[in-house]
Amino acid sequence: MINLVSITDLKQNTSGVINQVKTKGEPVAVIQRSELAAVLVSPKHYKKLEEALEDLDDLRVIEERKNEPTIPFETVAKKLGLKLK
């Protein structure tokens, strides 16, 4: 469950809120005028989210290209001047 904090509480206790995110590792949603204004996450959690988005994008590209013609590895290696064993 995501923790909620008002923008006023965040202003008054910024260090405490950030420490909560760091120690518990759980996101904190910041509410301003009854609306979601921001979500604070730990750097570790943010990195995981970035990696997941990159993986999803890679899967999307693979799906888009799955019916494209392929080029044999040997042909590419020859064009690049690579010697195969």
C-alpha atoms as a PDB file:
ATOM      1  CA  MET A   1       0.000   0.000   0.000  1.00  0.00           C
ATOM      2  CA  ILE A   2       1.299   3.423  -0.905  1.00  0.00           C
ATOM      3  CA  ASN A   3       1.786   5.965   1.863  1.00  0.00           C
ATOM      4  CA  LEU A   4       0.154   9.376   1.490  1.00  0.00           C
ATOM      5  CA  VAL A   5       1.519  12.711   2.672  1.00  0.00           C
ATOM      6  CA  SER A   6       0.162  16.202   2.098  1.00  0.00           C
ATOM      7  CA  ILE A   7       2.340  18.823   0.479  1.00  0.00           C
ATOM      8  CA  THR A   8       2.167  20.773   3.763  1.00  0.00           C
ATOM      9  CA  ASP A   9       3.459  17.779   5.742  1.00  0.00           C
ATOM     10  CA  LEU A  10       6.205  17.296   3.168  1.00  0.00           C
ATOM     11  CA  LYS A  11       7.275  20.930   3.524  1.00  0.00           C
ATOM     12  CA  GLN A  12       7.297  20.685   7.321  1.00  0.00           C
ATOM     13  CA  ASN A  13       9.022  17.302   7.516  1.00  0.00           C
ATOM     14  CA  THR A  14      10.963  16.819   4.279  1.00  0.00           C
ATOM     15  CA  SER A  15      13.803  14.897   5.925  1.00  0.00           C
ATOM     16  CA  GLY A  16      11.390  12.593   7.740  1.00  0.00           C
ATOM     17  CA  VAL A  17       9.433  11.765   4.591  1.00  0.00           C
ATOM     18  CA  ILE A  18      12.585  11.128   2.574  1.00  0.00           C
ATOM     19  CA  ASN A  19      13.970   8.984   5.384  1.00  0.00           C
ATOM     20  CA  GLN A  20      10.724   6.976   5.361  1.00  0.00           C
ATOM     21  CA  VAL A  21      11.134   6.332   1.620  1.00  0.00           C
ATOM     22  CA  LYS A  22      14.768   5.323   2.099  1.00  0.00           C
ATOM     23  CA  THR A  23      14.291   3.057   5.127  1.00  0.00           C
ATOM     24  CA  LYS A  24      11.002   1.372   4.221  1.00  0.00           C
ATOM     25  CA  GLY A  25      11.676   1.323   0.481  1.00  0.00           C
ATOM     26  CA  GLU A  26       8.019   2.112  -0.143  1.00  0.00           C
ATOM     27  CA  PRO A  27       6.772   4.942  -2.357  1.00  0.00           C
ATOM     28  CA  VAL A  28       5.149   8.011  -0.812  1.00  0.00           C
ATOM     29  CA  ALA A  29       2.426   9.848  -2.720  1.00  0.00           C
ATOM     30  CA  VAL A  30       2.333  13.609  -2.247  1.00  0.00           C
ATOM     31  CA  ILE A  31      -1.156  15.116  -2.264  1.00  0.00           C
ATOM     32  CA  GLN A  32      -1.773  18.779  -3.105  1.00  0.00           C
ATOM     33  CA  ARG A  33      -5.295  20.203  -3.041  1.00  0.00           C
ATOM     34  CA  SER A  34      -6.783  16.687  -2.885  1.00  0.00           C
ATOM     35  CA  GLU A  35      -4.940  15.602  -6.032  1.00  0.00           C
ATOM     36  CA  LEU A  36      -1.861  13.480  -6.559  1.00  0.00           C
ATOM     37  CA  ALA A  37       1.035  15.869  -7.167  1.00  0.00           C
ATOM     38  CA  ALA A  38       4.073  13.577  -7.044  1.00  0.00           C
ATOM     39  CA  VAL A  39       5.349  10.178  -5.995  1.00  0.00           C
ATOM     40  CA  LEU A  40       8.619   9.808  -4.122  1.00  0.00           C
ATOM     41  CA  VAL A  41      10.475   6.538  -4.616  1.00  0.00           C
ATOM     42  CA  SER A  42      13.869   5.259  -3.551  1.00  0.00           C
ATOM     43  CA  PRO A  43      16.683   5.340  -6.107  1.00  0.00           C
ATOM     44  CA  LYS A  44      16.689   1.516  -6.138  1.00  0.00           C
ATOM     45  CA  HIS A  45      12.957   1.416  -6.931  1.00  0.00           C
ATOM     46  CA  TYR A  46      13.361   4.103  -9.598  1.00  0.00           C
ATOM     47  CA  LYS A  47      16.174   2.142 -11.251  1.00  0.00           C
ATOM     48  CA  LYS A  48      13.978  -0.981 -11.348  1.00  0.00           C
ATOM     49  CA  LEU A  49      11.173   1.013 -12.952  1.00  0.00           C
ATOM     50  CA  GLU A  50      13.553   2.414 -15.579  1.00  0.00           C
ATOM     51  CA  GLU A  51      14.866  -1.064 -16.389  1.00  0.00           C
ATOM     52  CA  ALA A  52      11.340  -2.464 -16.644  1.00  0.00           C
ATOM     53  CA  LEU A  53      10.347   0.302 -19.081  1.00  0.00           C
ATOM     54  CA  GLU A  54      13.453  -0.337 -21.181  1.00  0.00           C
ATOM     55  CA  ASP A  55      12.639  -4.064 -21.255  1.00  0.00           C
ATOM     56  CA  LEU A  56       9.067  -3.322 -22.349  1.00  0.00           C
ATOM     57  CA  ASP A  57      10.339  -1.045 -25.096  1.00  0.00           C
ATOM     58  CA  ASP A  58      12.769  -3.746 -26.271  1.00  0.00           C
ATOM     59  CA  LEU A  59       9.908  -6.276 -26.365  1.00  0.00           C
ATOM     60  CA  ARG A  60       7.792  -3.837 -28.377  1.00  0.00           C
ATOM     61  CA  VAL A  61      10.581  -3.400 -30.950  1.00  0.00           C
ATOM     62  CA  ILE A  62      11.111  -7.169 -31.175  1.00  0.00           C
ATOM     63  CA  GLU A  63       7.388  -7.686 -31.723  1.00  0.00           C
ATOM     64  CA  GLU A  64       7.309  -5.018 -34.450  1.00  0.00           C
ATOM     65  CA  ARG A  65      10.282  -6.567 -36.251  1.00  0.00           C
ATOM     66  CA  LYS A  66       9.502 -10.262 -35.898  1.00  0.00           C
ATOM     67  CA  ASN A  67       8.258 -10.601 -39.481  1.00  0.00           C
ATOM     68  CA  GLU A  68      11.089  -8.631 -41.100  1.00  0.00           C
ATOM     69  CA  PRO A  69      13.543 -10.556 -43.253  1.00  0.00           C
ATOM     70  CA  THR A  70      16.698 -11.707 -41.489  1.00  0.00           C
ATOM     71  CA  ILE A  71      20.324 -11.625 -42.588  1.00  0.00           C
ATOM     72  CA  PRO A  72      22.486 -14.660 -41.817  1.00  0.00           C
ATOM     73  CA  PHE A  73      25.268 -14.027 -39.295  1.00  0.00           C
ATOM     74  CA  GLU A  74      27.890 -15.197 -41.764  1.00  0.00           C
ATOM     75  CA  THR A  75      26.841 -12.468 -44.232  1.00  0.00           C
ATOM     76  CA  VAL A  76      27.073  -9.755 -41.579  1.00  0.00           C
ATOM     77  CA  ALA A  77      30.419 -11.078 -40.331  1.00  0.00           C
ATOM     78  CA  LYS A  78      31.803 -11.054 -43.863  1.00  0.00           C
ATOM     79  CA  LYS A  79      30.650  -7.458 -44.455  1.00  0.00           C
ATOM     80  CA  LEU A  80      32.326  -6.418 -41.203  1.00  0.00           C
ATOM     81  CA  GLY A  81      35.507  -8.266 -42.065  1.00  0.00           C
ATOM     82  CA  LEU A  82      35.210 -10.669 -39.148  1.00  0.00           C
ATOM     83  CA  LYS A  83      36.892 -14.035 -39.399  1.00  0.00           C
ATOM     84  CA  LEU A  84      34.848 -17.002 -38.296  1.00  0.00           C
ATOM     85  CA  LYS A  85      36.493 -20.030 -36.744  1.00  0.00           C
END
